[in-house]
Amino acid sequence: MPRRPRVVLSSVPLHVIQPGNNRQACFFANDDYRLYLEWLRTYAGETGCAVHAYVLMPIVSTFC
């Protein structure tokens, strides 16, 4: 059964979880974390997305 469409309200924050493929690691070195944060900062700024908090772990990244 397919997932239901996500309800997106402009005034309500989203909690985003980005797991690794097949529970594989997303980050392997400190530079991987830094690069991901640079991308997050760049593209959040370009799209007007406000990132209120984030957690980066080896197998998953979470932000809202």
N, C-alpha and C. Protein backbone atom coordinates (compact mmCIF):
# COMPACT_ATOMS: atom_id res chain seq x y z
N MET A 1 0.85 -1.17 0.00
CA MET A 1 0.00 0.00 0.00
C MET A 1 0.90 1.24 0.00
N PRO A 2 0.70 2.16 -0.93
CA PRO A 2 1.56 3.35 -0.99
C PRO A 2 1.31 4.29 0.19
N ARG A 3 2.34 5.10 0.45
CA ARG A 3 2.20 6.10 1.52
C ARG A 3 1.20 7.18 1.12
N ARG A 4 0.59 7.76 2.12
CA ARG A 4 -0.30 8.89 1.87
C ARG A 4 0.57 10.12 1.58
N PRO A 5 0.04 11.05 0.77
CA PRO A 5 0.81 12.27 0.50
C PRO A 5 1.06 13.06 1.79
N ARG A 6 2.23 13.67 1.87
CA ARG A 6 2.60 14.47 3.04
C ARG A 6 1.84 15.78 3.01
N VAL A 7 1.30 16.17 4.15
CA VAL A 7 0.63 17.46 4.28
C VAL A 7 1.70 18.49 4.64
N VAL A 8 1.81 19.54 3.83
CA VAL A 8 2.81 20.58 4.07
C VAL A 8 2.09 21.90 4.28
N LEU A 9 2.28 22.47 5.47
CA LEU A 9 1.72 23.78 5.79
C LEU A 9 2.89 24.75 5.95
N SER A 10 2.81 25.89 5.33
CA SER A 10 3.95 26.81 5.32
C SER A 10 4.36 27.30 6.70
N SER A 11 3.45 27.30 7.66
CA SER A 11 3.78 27.81 8.99
C SER A 11 4.15 26.71 9.99
N VAL A 12 4.18 25.45 9.53
CA VAL A 12 4.46 24.33 10.42
C VAL A 12 5.79 23.67 10.01
N PRO A 13 6.76 23.58 10.95
CA PRO A 13 8.05 22.96 10.61
C PRO A 13 7.90 21.47 10.27
N LEU A 14 8.80 20.99 9.42
CA LEU A 14 8.86 19.57 9.09
C LEU A 14 10.03 18.92 9.81
N HIS A 15 9.87 17.68 10.19
CA HIS A 15 10.95 16.89 10.78
C HIS A 15 11.41 15.94 9.69
N VAL A 16 12.61 16.13 9.18
CA VAL A 16 13.12 15.37 8.05
C VAL A 16 14.17 14.37 8.53
N ILE A 17 14.02 13.12 8.14
CA ILE A 17 15.00 12.08 8.47
C ILE A 17 15.53 11.52 7.15
N GLN A 18 16.83 11.52 6.99
CA GLN A 18 17.46 11.02 5.77
C GLN A 18 18.38 9.85 6.13
N PRO A 19 17.86 8.62 6.08
CA PRO A 19 18.70 7.47 6.43
C PRO A 19 19.61 7.07 5.28
N GLY A 20 20.65 6.33 5.60
CA GLY A 20 21.52 5.78 4.57
C GLY A 20 20.80 4.68 3.81
N ASN A 21 21.21 4.43 2.60
CA ASN A 21 20.62 3.38 1.77
C ASN A 21 20.92 2.02 2.38
N ASN A 22 19.89 1.23 2.62
CA ASN A 22 20.04 -0.10 3.24
C ASN A 22 20.80 -0.04 4.56
N ARG A 23 20.57 1.02 5.31
CA ARG A 23 21.22 1.26 6.62
C ARG A 23 22.74 1.36 6.53
N GLN A 24 23.22 1.73 5.37
CA GLN A 24 24.65 1.95 5.21
C GLN A 24 25.02 3.33 5.73
N ALA A 25 26.27 3.52 6.03
CA ALA A 25 26.74 4.81 6.55
C ALA A 25 26.58 5.91 5.51
N CYS A 26 26.22 7.09 5.99
CA CYS A 26 26.13 8.29 5.14
C CYS A 26 27.44 9.08 5.20
N PHE A 27 28.10 9.00 6.33
CA PHE A 27 29.30 9.78 6.58
C PHE A 27 30.43 8.84 7.00
N PHE A 28 31.60 9.06 6.44
CA PHE A 28 32.73 8.19 6.74
C PHE A 28 33.89 8.91 7.41
N ALA A 29 33.95 10.23 7.25
CA ALA A 29 35.05 11.02 7.81
C ALA A 29 34.51 12.38 8.23
N ASN A 30 35.26 13.10 9.03
CA ASN A 30 34.83 14.43 9.49
C ASN A 30 34.57 15.37 8.33
N ASP A 31 35.33 15.24 7.25
CA ASP A 31 35.11 16.09 6.08
C ASP A 31 33.74 15.85 5.46
N ASP A 32 33.22 14.63 5.54
CA ASP A 32 31.89 14.33 5.02
C ASP A 32 30.82 15.13 5.78
N TYR A 33 30.95 15.20 7.09
CA TYR A 33 30.02 15.97 7.91
C TYR A 33 30.09 17.46 7.53
N ARG A 34 31.30 17.97 7.41
CA ARG A 34 31.49 19.40 7.07
C ARG A 34 30.90 19.73 5.71
N LEU A 35 31.14 18.88 4.72
CA LEU A 35 30.62 19.12 3.38
C LEU A 35 29.09 19.09 3.39
N TYR A 36 28.51 18.14 4.09
CA TYR A 36 27.05 18.05 4.18
C TYR A 36 26.47 19.33 4.80
N LEU A 37 27.11 19.83 5.85
CA LEU A 37 26.63 21.05 6.49
C LEU A 37 26.78 22.26 5.58
N GLU A 38 27.85 22.29 4.79
CA GLU A 38 28.01 23.38 3.81
C GLU A 38 26.88 23.35 2.79
N TRP A 39 26.58 22.15 2.28
CA TRP A 39 25.48 22.01 1.32
C TRP A 39 24.16 22.41 1.95
N LEU A 40 23.92 21.95 3.17
CA LEU A 40 22.68 22.29 3.86
C LEU A 40 22.55 23.80 4.02
N ARG A 41 23.61 24.47 4.44
CA ARG A 41 23.60 25.92 4.60
C ARG A 41 23.35 26.61 3.26
N THR A 42 24.05 26.19 2.23
CA THR A 42 23.91 26.81 0.90
C THR A 42 22.50 26.67 0.36
N TYR A 43 22.00 25.44 0.30
CA TYR A 43 20.71 25.21 -0.35
C TYR A 43 19.53 25.63 0.52
N ALA A 44 19.67 25.59 1.83
CA ALA A 44 18.61 26.13 2.68
C ALA A 44 18.50 27.63 2.46
N GLY A 45 19.63 28.30 2.34
CA GLY A 45 19.62 29.74 2.08
C GLY A 45 19.04 30.07 0.72
N GLU A 46 19.40 29.31 -0.31
CA GLU A 46 18.90 29.56 -1.66
C GLU A 46 17.39 29.34 -1.78
N THR A 47 16.86 28.41 -1.00
CA THR A 47 15.44 28.09 -1.10
C THR A 47 14.59 28.78 -0.04
N GLY A 48 15.23 29.51 0.87
CA GLY A 48 14.49 30.19 1.93
C GLY A 48 14.02 29.25 3.02
N CYS A 49 14.67 28.12 3.16
CA CYS A 49 14.30 27.13 4.18
C CYS A 49 15.04 27.45 5.48
N ALA A 50 14.33 27.59 6.56
CA ALA A 50 14.95 27.86 7.86
C ALA A 50 15.21 26.53 8.56
N VAL A 51 16.46 26.24 8.86
CA VAL A 51 16.82 25.02 9.59
C VAL A 51 16.95 25.42 11.05
N HIS A 52 16.09 24.87 11.91
CA HIS A 52 16.08 25.22 13.32
C HIS A 52 17.01 24.35 14.16
N ALA A 53 17.21 23.11 13.73
CA ALA A 53 18.08 22.19 14.47
C ALA A 53 18.49 21.07 13.53
N TYR A 54 19.60 20.41 13.84
CA TYR A 54 20.01 19.26 13.05
C TYR A 54 20.83 18.31 13.90
N VAL A 55 20.84 17.05 13.48
CA VAL A 55 21.67 16.01 14.10
C VAL A 55 22.26 15.21 12.97
N LEU A 56 23.56 15.05 12.96
CA LEU A 56 24.22 14.23 11.95
C LEU A 56 24.87 13.04 12.65
N MET A 57 24.49 11.85 12.23
CA MET A 57 25.05 10.62 12.78
C MET A 57 25.55 9.78 11.61
N PRO A 58 26.41 8.82 11.85
CA PRO A 58 26.99 8.05 10.73
C PRO A 58 25.97 7.44 9.78
N ILE A 59 24.83 6.95 10.29
CA ILE A 59 23.89 6.28 9.39
C ILE A 59 22.63 7.07 9.10
N VAL A 60 22.48 8.27 9.69
CA VAL A 60 21.26 9.04 9.43
C VAL A 60 21.51 10.52 9.71
N SER A 61 20.83 11.38 8.97
CA SER A 61 20.85 12.80 9.28
C SER A 61 19.42 13.24 9.51
N THR A 62 19.21 14.08 10.50
CA THR A 62 17.88 14.54 10.88
C THR A 62 17.91 16.03 11.04
N PHE A 63 16.92 16.71 10.51
CA PHE A 63 16.83 18.15 10.73
C PHE A 63 15.38 18.59 10.69
N CYS A 64 15.13 19.75 11.27
CA CYS A 64 13.79 20.33 11.26
C CYS A 64 13.91 21.83 11.23
